[in-house]
Amino acid sequence: MNSPIWADISLGECVVSVGAGVSVNSEDRPHVAGEVGVLKTSAVSGGLFKPHEHKAVISKDRPRVAEPVLGGSVLFSRMNTPLLVGESCYVESDHPSLFLPDRLWQIRVEPSLVDARWLSYNLQSAAVSSAVRALATGTSASMKNIAKRGLLALKIPLPALAEQRRVSRVLNALDAQISALQSITEKLSVVRLGLLEDLMTRGVESSGRLRPSPKQDAALYVNGVYGLRPKAWRVGLLDKFAKRGSGHTPNKNVPSYWNGGIKWVSLADSSKLDRFLIENTDKQISQAGIANSSAVLHPAGTVILSRDAGVGKSAILAESMAVSQHFMAWQVGRELNKVYLYYWLQYMKRSFEGIALGSTIQTIGLPYFRRLHITVPPLEEQEEIAHRLRLVDVDLDRTRDELAALKLLKQGLASDLLSGRVRVPDGGGA
């Protein structure tokens, strides 16, 4: 890696052993007491060890398992997809009932020379991971393999052991914060799903309490298009409560139709959906692009839904925007709250995903939306439902943003510390 500060050393000079597992027959379930498990390749992902990612080895193959997972080792994915081959992680503690498959290696280092956790971080760094993936070969476009000889010949910059440990402590502390935020995010996501289910099927009484469930008071409910619904709620075609529209793609061969300052939501913006408001887009079109196509400028507050790739993702336009033909767009009427509609579409997401058709790009045909029914509580109840869900989403979005920022901080700091651009002084990172 040619560090200006540290001498390069081959990985083979740092390593005591590289153990490999074997291919065994297994059942796609976790192992129970008295059984053993074999790791999936997904057990090594994103620099983390995920011991729950394993399968139970069938009884007749248990004598064949090899290479139990040991604490203080580095797991390495020697065979995987082009994007994931070369993934690695540090293992904190022994897992005597879990064993490696043939596609993972277990690296044990020389402790007087190398800190194993530091080595794991080093293998994940941009420079080293790029060099590792360059070693991958294979005729299959979907699966690549790294030879042990090539990996052990790889050169890495090696600081003194004490500095390795200081770097490891700093990055491990950030990992702990990331893990804590990840756990909070997952818990908030579970709370959100449960609340969405309750509010979209039971709603809120005038007292502010969640309406009793059908089991608690069946007299409050009637059968409807989507099963039981509160008697106070109406059901009807969504077209009755909102003006439906869509969009179009102007001719890409006409430069004057593009980059004209009008935000245009397309499939390239999929990652921006499901975050309540969409404020920016990957591409912009011009007034001429709208005038010479079927594209429409939808007003702020329009609720949109992806009917193609990323089926079921939704958002509310933060300002006037156009959309591609891959989206549906609704402008709500006086009897429908736009935020309630957004959350109702979120609630229906699994249904939308289930009816999408297509082998290459899944899509929902336009006739479906002409027949789409919606359950509509009284307007005041819609507003209360929307308010409660929004409170949870604000917390969830804030936590996700903090998590993303912390991951970005770790990425930059790791690059600096592992290259020597930034040094951890004696006593630092404790």
Protein backbone atom coordinates (compact mmCIF):
# COMPACT_ATOMS: atom_id res chain seq x y z
CA MET A 1 0.00 0.00 0.00
CA ASN A 2 3.14 2.20 0.08
CA SER A 3 2.56 4.17 3.28
CA PRO A 4 5.03 7.06 3.68
CA ILE A 5 5.19 6.36 7.42
CA TRP A 6 5.18 2.58 7.88
CA ALA A 7 6.99 -0.21 6.09
CA ASP A 8 4.93 -2.62 4.02
CA ILE A 9 4.72 -6.24 5.06
CA SER A 10 3.05 -9.19 3.37
CA LEU A 11 -0.09 -10.50 4.99
CA GLY A 12 1.54 -13.93 5.12
CA GLU A 13 4.20 -12.58 7.51
CA CYS A 14 1.45 -11.50 9.95
CA VAL A 15 -0.59 -14.69 9.85
CA VAL A 16 -0.18 -17.89 11.84
CA SER A 17 -2.91 -19.86 10.05
CA VAL A 18 -5.73 -19.60 7.56
CA GLY A 19 -8.34 -22.22 8.38
CA ALA A 20 -11.06 -23.29 6.00
CA GLY A 21 -14.39 -24.94 6.60
CA VAL A 22 -16.05 -27.65 4.55
CA SER A 23 -19.29 -27.89 2.62
CA VAL A 24 -21.93 -29.76 4.62
CA ASN A 25 -25.63 -30.41 4.19
CA SER A 26 -27.84 -28.26 6.35
CA GLU A 27 -31.38 -27.11 7.05
CA ASP A 28 -32.35 -23.47 6.65
CA ARG A 29 -33.06 -22.84 10.34
CA PRO A 30 -31.00 -21.95 13.41
CA HIS A 31 -29.44 -24.84 15.29
CA VAL A 32 -30.81 -25.83 18.69
CA ALA A 33 -29.20 -27.38 21.77
CA GLY A 34 -27.30 -30.53 20.85
CA GLU A 35 -26.84 -29.44 17.24
CA VAL A 36 -24.20 -27.46 15.40
CA GLY A 37 -24.53 -24.77 12.78
CA VAL A 38 -22.62 -23.82 9.66
CA LEU A 39 -22.22 -20.13 8.85
CA LYS A 40 -23.79 -18.59 5.78
CA THR A 41 -21.57 -16.28 3.75
CA SER A 42 -23.90 -13.49 4.92
CA ALA A 43 -22.50 -14.00 8.44
CA VAL A 44 -19.62 -11.79 7.29
CA SER A 45 -21.18 -8.56 6.07
CA GLY A 46 -20.45 -4.86 6.38
CA GLY A 47 -17.43 -5.50 8.58
CA LEU A 48 -19.59 -7.23 11.18
CA PHE A 49 -19.84 -10.82 12.38
CA LYS A 50 -23.46 -11.96 12.41
CA PRO A 51 -23.56 -15.33 14.20
CA HIS A 52 -27.34 -15.63 13.73
CA GLU A 53 -26.67 -16.02 10.01
CA HIS A 54 -26.21 -19.78 10.02
CA LYS A 55 -27.95 -23.06 9.19
CA ALA A 56 -28.39 -26.21 11.26
CA VAL A 57 -26.12 -29.04 10.06
CA ILE A 58 -28.03 -32.28 9.44
CA SER A 59 -27.17 -35.06 11.89
CA LYS A 60 -25.27 -37.33 9.48
CA ASP A 61 -22.94 -34.49 8.47
CA ARG A 62 -22.06 -33.30 11.98
CA PRO A 63 -18.87 -35.42 12.16
CA ARG A 64 -17.64 -33.67 8.99
CA VAL A 65 -17.73 -30.08 10.23
CA ALA A 66 -14.40 -28.32 10.54
CA GLU A 67 -13.00 -25.04 11.80
CA PRO A 68 -15.11 -23.81 14.74
CA VAL A 69 -15.48 -20.03 15.07
CA LEU A 70 -12.84 -18.72 17.48
CA GLY A 71 -12.68 -15.43 19.32
CA GLY A 72 -9.82 -13.13 18.36
CA SER A 73 -9.85 -14.30 14.75
CA VAL A 74 -10.66 -12.57 11.48
CA LEU A 75 -13.22 -14.18 9.19
CA PHE A 76 -12.71 -13.64 5.47
CA SER A 77 -15.08 -14.30 2.57
CA ARG A 78 -12.93 -15.98 -0.06
CA MET A 79 -15.79 -16.78 -2.45
CA ASN A 80 -18.77 -14.51 -2.99
CA THR A 81 -20.37 -12.10 -5.44
CA PRO A 82 -18.05 -9.49 -7.02
CA LEU A 83 -19.29 -6.85 -4.56
CA LEU A 84 -18.96 -9.02 -1.45
CA VAL A 85 -15.90 -11.17 -2.10
CA GLY A 86 -13.14 -10.16 0.31
CA GLU A 87 -15.52 -9.07 3.09
CA SER A 88 -14.02 -9.57 6.54
CA CYS A 89 -14.85 -9.11 10.22
CA TYR A 90 -13.39 -9.53 13.68
CA VAL A 91 -14.80 -12.20 16.02
CA GLU A 92 -15.03 -11.13 19.66
CA SER A 93 -15.53 -14.52 21.34
CA ASP A 94 -15.63 -18.27 20.73
CA HIS A 95 -18.70 -19.86 19.16
CA PRO A 96 -18.01 -23.57 19.69
CA SER A 97 -21.26 -24.74 18.06
CA LEU A 98 -20.72 -22.70 14.87
CA PHE A 99 -18.43 -23.83 12.06
CA LEU A 100 -17.12 -22.33 8.84
CA PRO A 101 -18.35 -23.31 5.39
CA ASP A 102 -15.85 -23.84 2.58
CA ARG A 103 -16.39 -20.26 1.32
CA LEU A 104 -15.09 -18.60 4.48
CA TRP A 105 -11.59 -18.54 5.93
CA GLN A 106 -10.57 -18.00 9.54
CA ILE A 107 -7.37 -15.99 9.90
CA ARG A 108 -5.29 -16.28 13.07
CA VAL A 109 -2.54 -13.68 13.47
CA GLU A 110 0.84 -13.57 15.17
CA PRO A 111 -0.15 -11.67 18.37
CA SER A 112 3.35 -10.27 18.97
CA LEU A 113 3.22 -8.57 15.59
CA VAL A 114 -0.41 -7.83 14.71
CA ASP A 115 -3.60 -6.87 16.53
CA ALA A 116 -6.35 -9.00 14.94
CA ARG A 117 -9.01 -6.31 15.29
CA TRP A 118 -6.70 -3.79 13.60
CA LEU A 119 -6.12 -6.26 10.76
CA SER A 120 -9.87 -6.60 10.28
CA TYR A 121 -10.26 -2.82 10.05
CA ASN A 122 -7.30 -2.67 7.67
CA LEU A 123 -8.80 -5.29 5.35
CA GLN A 124 -12.02 -3.23 5.29
CA SER A 125 -10.26 0.05 4.43
CA ALA A 126 -10.87 1.42 0.95
CA ALA A 127 -7.29 0.99 -0.26
CA VAL A 128 -6.76 -2.54 1.03
CA SER A 129 -10.24 -3.86 0.20
CA SER A 130 -9.81 -2.59 -3.36
CA ALA A 131 -6.51 -4.46 -3.63
CA VAL A 132 -8.13 -7.58 -2.15
CA ARG A 133 -11.01 -7.54 -4.64
CA ALA A 134 -8.52 -7.10 -7.47
CA LEU A 135 -7.22 -10.57 -6.55
CA ALA A 136 -10.62 -12.15 -7.24
CA THR A 137 -10.90 -14.35 -10.30
CA GLY A 138 -13.52 -16.55 -11.89
CA THR A 139 -15.39 -17.02 -15.15
CA SER A 140 -18.80 -16.53 -13.54
CA ALA A 141 -20.12 -12.96 -13.48
CA SER A 142 -22.01 -13.70 -10.26
CA MET A 143 -19.32 -15.49 -8.23
CA LYS A 144 -15.64 -14.70 -7.69
CA ASN A 145 -12.89 -16.49 -5.78
CA ILE A 146 -9.69 -15.32 -4.05
CA ALA A 147 -6.69 -17.66 -3.93
CA LYS A 148 -4.96 -18.06 -0.59
CA ARG A 149 -1.52 -17.53 -2.12
CA GLY A 150 -2.58 -14.19 -3.57
CA LEU A 151 -4.09 -13.01 -0.31
CA LEU A 152 -1.04 -13.92 1.75
CA ALA A 153 1.22 -12.12 -0.72
CA LEU A 154 -0.76 -8.89 -0.34
CA LYS A 155 1.30 -6.03 1.07
CA ILE A 156 -0.12 -3.88 3.89
CA PRO A 157 1.46 -1.00 5.87
CA LEU A 158 2.27 -2.13 9.40
CA PRO A 159 2.47 0.34 12.31
CA ALA A 160 3.90 -0.66 15.67
CA LEU A 161 1.68 -3.01 17.67
CA ALA A 162 0.93 -0.35 20.29
CA GLU A 163 -0.33 2.04 17.62
CA GLN A 164 -2.42 -0.70 16.01
CA ARG A 165 -4.13 -1.21 19.35
CA ARG A 166 -4.77 2.50 19.80
CA VAL A 167 -6.33 2.70 16.34
CA SER A 168 -8.45 -0.37 17.09
CA ARG A 169 -9.75 1.15 20.33
CA VAL A 170 -10.81 4.36 18.59
CA LEU A 171 -12.61 2.57 15.74
CA ASN A 172 -14.13 -0.01 18.07
CA ALA A 173 -15.58 2.79 20.22
CA LEU A 174 -17.24 4.23 17.12
CA ASP A 175 -18.52 0.78 16.21
CA ALA A 176 -20.14 0.50 19.63
CA GLN A 177 -21.95 3.80 19.08
CA ILE A 178 -23.02 2.69 15.62
CA SER A 179 -24.32 -0.60 17.01
CA ALA A 180 -26.31 1.21 19.71
CA LEU A 181 -27.91 3.55 17.17
CA GLN A 182 -28.60 0.62 14.86
CA SER A 183 -30.42 -1.14 17.69
CA ILE A 184 -32.51 1.96 18.42
CA THR A 185 -33.35 2.28 14.71
CA GLU A 186 -34.49 -1.34 14.54
CA LYS A 187 -36.65 -0.97 17.65
CA LEU A 188 -38.26 2.23 16.35
CA SER A 189 -38.96 0.47 13.05
CA VAL A 190 -40.78 -2.31 14.89
CA VAL A 191 -42.78 0.25 16.89
CA ARG A 192 -43.67 2.06 13.67
CA LEU A 193 -44.93 -1.10 11.97
CA GLY A 194 -47.07 -2.03 14.96
CA LEU A 195 -48.51 1.46 15.27
CA LEU A 196 -49.19 1.63 11.53
CA GLU A 197 -51.11 -1.64 11.72
CA ASP A 198 -53.14 -0.55 14.73
CA LEU A 199 -53.99 2.93 13.48
CA MET A 200 -54.90 1.81 9.96
CA THR A 201 -57.20 -0.95 11.16
CA ARG A 202 -58.56 0.41 14.46
CA GLY A 203 -57.99 4.14 14.44
CA VAL A 204 -58.43 6.52 17.37
CA GLU A 205 -61.56 7.28 19.39
CA SER A 206 -62.62 10.83 20.24
CA SER A 207 -61.17 10.26 23.70
CA GLY A 208 -57.74 9.92 22.10
CA ARG A 209 -57.48 6.24 22.93
CA LEU A 210 -56.89 3.49 20.41
CA ARG A 211 -60.25 2.02 19.41
CA PRO A 212 -60.89 -1.41 21.00
CA SER A 213 -59.94 -4.29 18.68
CA PRO A 214 -62.61 -6.44 17.00
CA LYS A 215 -61.97 -9.12 19.63
CA GLN A 216 -62.60 -6.60 22.38
CA ASP A 217 -65.73 -5.07 20.82
CA ALA A 218 -66.91 -6.63 17.56
CA ALA A 219 -69.94 -4.28 17.43
CA LEU A 220 -67.65 -1.39 16.48
CA TYR A 221 -66.63 -3.03 13.18
CA VAL A 222 -68.09 -4.08 9.82
CA ASN A 223 -66.64 -6.12 6.96
CA GLY A 224 -65.09 -4.18 4.10
CA VAL A 225 -62.80 -4.49 1.10
CA TYR A 226 -59.75 -5.01 3.32
CA GLY A 227 -61.46 -6.99 6.08
CA LEU A 228 -62.94 -5.54 9.22
CA ARG A 229 -63.01 -1.76 9.54
CA PRO A 230 -64.52 0.62 12.11
CA LYS A 231 -68.17 1.42 11.36
CA ALA A 232 -67.39 5.13 11.45
CA TRP A 233 -65.04 4.77 8.49
CA ARG A 234 -66.08 4.94 4.87
CA VAL A 235 -64.62 2.94 2.03
CA GLY A 236 -64.58 3.92 -1.61
CA LEU A 237 -62.51 4.35 -4.72
CA LEU A 238 -59.42 6.43 -4.08
CA ASP A 239 -60.35 8.36 -7.23
CA LYS A 240 -63.42 9.60 -5.35
CA PHE A 241 -61.27 11.27 -2.70
CA ALA A 242 -58.23 12.37 -4.72
CA LYS A 243 -57.38 13.42 -8.26
CA ARG A 244 -55.14 10.78 -9.80
CA GLY A 245 -52.33 11.60 -12.21
CA SER A 246 -49.00 10.30 -13.43
CA GLY A 247 -46.14 11.59 -15.53
CA HIS A 248 -43.86 11.06 -18.47
CA THR A 249 -40.25 11.19 -19.63
CA PRO A 250 -39.43 13.95 -22.11
CA ASN A 251 -37.33 13.00 -25.14
CA LYS A 252 -33.80 12.43 -23.81
CA ASN A 253 -32.33 13.28 -27.20
CA VAL A 254 -33.50 16.89 -26.97
CA PRO A 255 -31.15 18.80 -24.63
CA SER A 256 -33.54 21.75 -24.26
CA TYR A 257 -36.05 19.48 -22.51
CA TRP A 258 -33.63 18.84 -19.64
CA ASN A 259 -31.83 20.71 -16.85
CA GLY A 260 -34.40 23.47 -16.86
CA GLY A 261 -34.92 23.80 -13.12
CA ILE A 262 -38.09 21.70 -12.77
CA LYS A 263 -37.49 18.83 -10.36
CA TRP A 264 -38.48 15.49 -11.91
CA VAL A 265 -38.98 12.37 -9.78
CA SER A 266 -37.74 9.20 -11.47
CA LEU A 267 -36.64 5.70 -10.49
CA ALA A 268 -33.20 7.21 -9.81
CA ASP A 269 -34.80 8.81 -6.73
CA SER A 270 -35.94 5.55 -5.16
CA SER A 271 -33.65 6.01 -2.14
CA LYS A 272 -35.33 9.35 -1.37
CA LEU A 273 -38.79 7.81 -1.08
CA ASP A 274 -40.42 6.47 2.11
CA ARG A 275 -38.95 9.45 4.00
CA PHE A 276 -42.20 11.49 4.08
CA LEU A 277 -41.20 14.51 1.94
CA ILE A 278 -39.16 14.38 -1.24
CA GLU A 279 -37.30 17.65 -1.60
CA ASN A 280 -34.67 17.00 -4.28
CA THR A 281 -34.42 14.89 -7.40
CA ASP A 282 -31.61 13.34 -9.38
CA LYS A 283 -32.72 15.00 -12.62
CA GLN A 284 -34.52 18.14 -13.72
CA ILE A 285 -36.54 18.92 -16.81
CA SER A 286 -37.55 22.18 -18.48
CA GLN A 287 -40.82 23.91 -19.24
CA ALA A 288 -40.22 22.94 -22.86
CA GLY A 289 -39.89 19.31 -21.75
CA ILE A 290 -43.30 19.51 -20.11
CA ALA A 291 -44.87 21.31 -23.07
CA ASN A 292 -43.61 18.69 -25.52
CA SER A 293 -44.46 15.55 -23.56
CA SER A 294 -47.16 14.12 -21.34
CA ALA A 295 -45.27 15.23 -18.23
CA VAL A 296 -47.29 17.27 -15.72
CA LEU A 297 -46.19 19.74 -13.05
CA HIS A 298 -47.80 18.48 -9.83
CA PRO A 299 -48.28 20.95 -6.96
CA ALA A 300 -46.61 20.75 -3.57
CA GLY A 301 -48.47 18.33 -1.30
CA THR A 302 -49.13 15.81 -4.07
CA VAL A 303 -48.70 12.24 -2.80
CA ILE A 304 -46.71 9.99 -5.14
CA LEU A 305 -46.23 6.22 -5.35
CA SER A 306 -43.73 4.18 -7.34
CA ARG A 307 -45.50 1.52 -9.38
CA ASP A 308 -42.34 0.05 -10.92
CA ALA A 309 -38.89 -0.81 -9.52
CA GLY A 310 -39.14 -0.04 -5.83
CA VAL A 311 -42.84 -0.85 -6.02
CA GLY A 312 -44.90 0.70 -3.24
CA LYS A 313 -42.47 3.40 -2.15
CA SER A 314 -44.18 6.71 -1.55
CA ALA A 315 -43.58 10.35 -0.62
CA ILE A 316 -45.18 13.79 -0.53
CA LEU A 317 -43.85 16.45 -2.89
CA ALA A 318 -42.24 19.26 -0.88
CA GLU A 319 -42.70 21.63 -3.83
CA SER A 320 -44.07 21.57 -7.35
CA MET A 321 -42.45 18.73 -9.30
CA ALA A 322 -42.99 16.50 -12.30
CA VAL A 323 -42.73 12.71 -12.18
CA SER A 324 -41.89 9.97 -14.65
CA GLN A 325 -44.45 7.49 -15.96
CA HIS A 326 -43.28 5.06 -13.28
CA PHE A 327 -45.19 6.99 -10.62
CA MET A 328 -48.78 7.59 -9.63
CA ALA A 329 -49.66 11.00 -8.17
CA TRP A 330 -52.70 12.05 -6.13
CA GLN A 331 -53.91 15.50 -5.18
CA VAL A 332 -56.26 15.01 -2.24
CA GLY A 333 -59.75 16.48 -2.04
CA ARG A 334 -61.44 18.10 0.96
CA GLU A 335 -62.36 14.78 2.58
CA LEU A 336 -58.87 13.29 2.56
CA ASN A 337 -55.77 14.39 4.49
CA LYS A 338 -52.60 14.12 2.40
CA VAL A 339 -50.48 12.89 5.33
CA TYR A 340 -53.09 10.24 6.11
CA LEU A 341 -52.99 9.16 2.45
CA TYR A 342 -49.20 8.90 2.60
CA TYR A 343 -49.38 6.62 5.64
CA TRP A 344 -52.23 4.59 4.16
CA LEU A 345 -50.03 3.93 1.11
CA GLN A 346 -47.21 2.96 3.48
CA TYR A 347 -49.59 0.53 5.17
CA MET A 348 -50.57 -0.94 1.79
CA LYS A 349 -46.97 -1.35 0.65
CA ARG A 350 -46.86 -5.12 1.16
CA SER A 351 -50.05 -5.50 -0.86
CA PHE A 352 -48.58 -3.42 -3.68
CA GLU A 353 -45.41 -5.52 -3.65
CA GLY A 354 -47.48 -8.70 -3.75
CA ILE A 355 -49.41 -7.82 -6.90
CA ALA A 356 -46.51 -6.37 -8.92
CA LEU A 357 -45.83 -8.40 -12.05
CA GLY A 358 -42.85 -8.71 -14.35
CA SER A 359 -39.67 -10.77 -14.60
CA THR A 360 -37.21 -7.92 -15.25
CA ILE A 361 -38.86 -4.86 -13.69
CA GLN A 362 -41.88 -5.52 -11.54
CA THR A 363 -44.74 -3.15 -12.18
CA ILE A 364 -48.37 -2.47 -11.29
CA GLY A 365 -50.60 -1.68 -14.27
CA LEU A 366 -52.63 1.52 -14.42
CA PRO A 367 -56.02 -0.30 -14.34
CA TYR A 368 -55.25 -1.43 -10.79
CA PHE A 369 -55.18 2.14 -9.53
CA ARG A 370 -58.49 2.95 -11.20
CA ARG A 371 -60.04 0.21 -9.03
CA LEU A 372 -58.06 0.97 -5.87
CA HIS A 373 -60.26 1.43 -2.78
CA ILE A 374 -59.28 3.30 0.37
CA THR A 375 -60.63 3.28 3.91
CA VAL A 376 -61.41 6.84 5.00
CA PRO A 377 -61.96 7.76 8.66
CA PRO A 378 -63.59 11.09 9.55
CA LEU A 379 -61.21 13.94 8.71
CA GLU A 380 -60.43 14.75 12.35
CA GLU A 381 -59.49 11.12 12.98
CA GLN A 382 -57.34 11.07 9.84
CA GLU A 383 -55.43 14.05 11.19
CA GLU A 384 -54.88 12.37 14.56
CA ILE A 385 -53.70 9.14 12.93
CA ALA A 386 -51.31 11.09 10.69
CA HIS A 387 -50.00 13.11 13.65
CA ARG A 388 -49.19 10.06 15.75
CA LEU A 389 -47.40 8.29 12.92
CA ARG A 390 -45.48 11.42 12.04
CA LEU A 391 -44.14 11.71 15.60
CA VAL A 392 -42.67 8.21 15.36
CA ASP A 393 -41.23 8.91 11.92
CA VAL A 394 -39.54 12.11 13.09
CA ASP A 395 -37.72 10.14 15.79
CA LEU A 396 -36.88 7.36 13.34
CA ASP A 397 -35.59 9.75 10.68
CA ARG A 398 -33.47 11.61 13.23
CA THR A 399 -31.93 8.36 14.43
CA ARG A 400 -31.29 7.19 10.86
CA ASP A 401 -29.62 10.49 10.03
CA GLU A 402 -27.43 10.28 13.15
CA LEU A 403 -26.52 6.70 12.22
CA ALA A 404 -25.61 7.68 8.65
CA ALA A 405 -23.49 10.60 9.92
CA LEU A 406 -21.68 8.36 12.42
CA LYS A 407 -20.94 5.76 9.73
CA LEU A 408 -19.56 8.51 7.50
CA LEU A 409 -17.42 9.81 10.36
CA LYS A 410 -16.05 6.32 10.99
CA GLN A 411 -15.31 5.82 7.31
CA GLY A 412 -13.30 9.03 7.10
CA LEU A 413 -11.53 8.51 10.41
CA ALA A 414 -10.66 4.91 9.54
CA SER A 415 -9.12 6.06 6.27
CA ASP A 416 -7.01 8.64 8.09
CA LEU A 417 -5.92 6.38 10.97
CA LEU A 418 -5.17 3.30 8.86
CA SER A 419 -3.11 5.30 6.37
CA GLY A 420 -1.20 7.24 9.00
CA ARG A 421 -2.48 10.62 7.87
CA VAL A 422 -3.81 11.02 11.42
CA ARG A 423 -1.97 9.45 14.34
CA VAL A 424 -3.39 8.38 17.70
CA PRO A 425 -0.99 9.65 20.38
CA ASP A 426 0.13 7.53 23.31
CA GLY A 427 -2.75 7.36 25.75
CA GLY A 428 -5.28 8.15 23.00
CA GLY A 429 -8.26 5.93 22.23
CA ALA A 430 -8.28 4.46 25.74
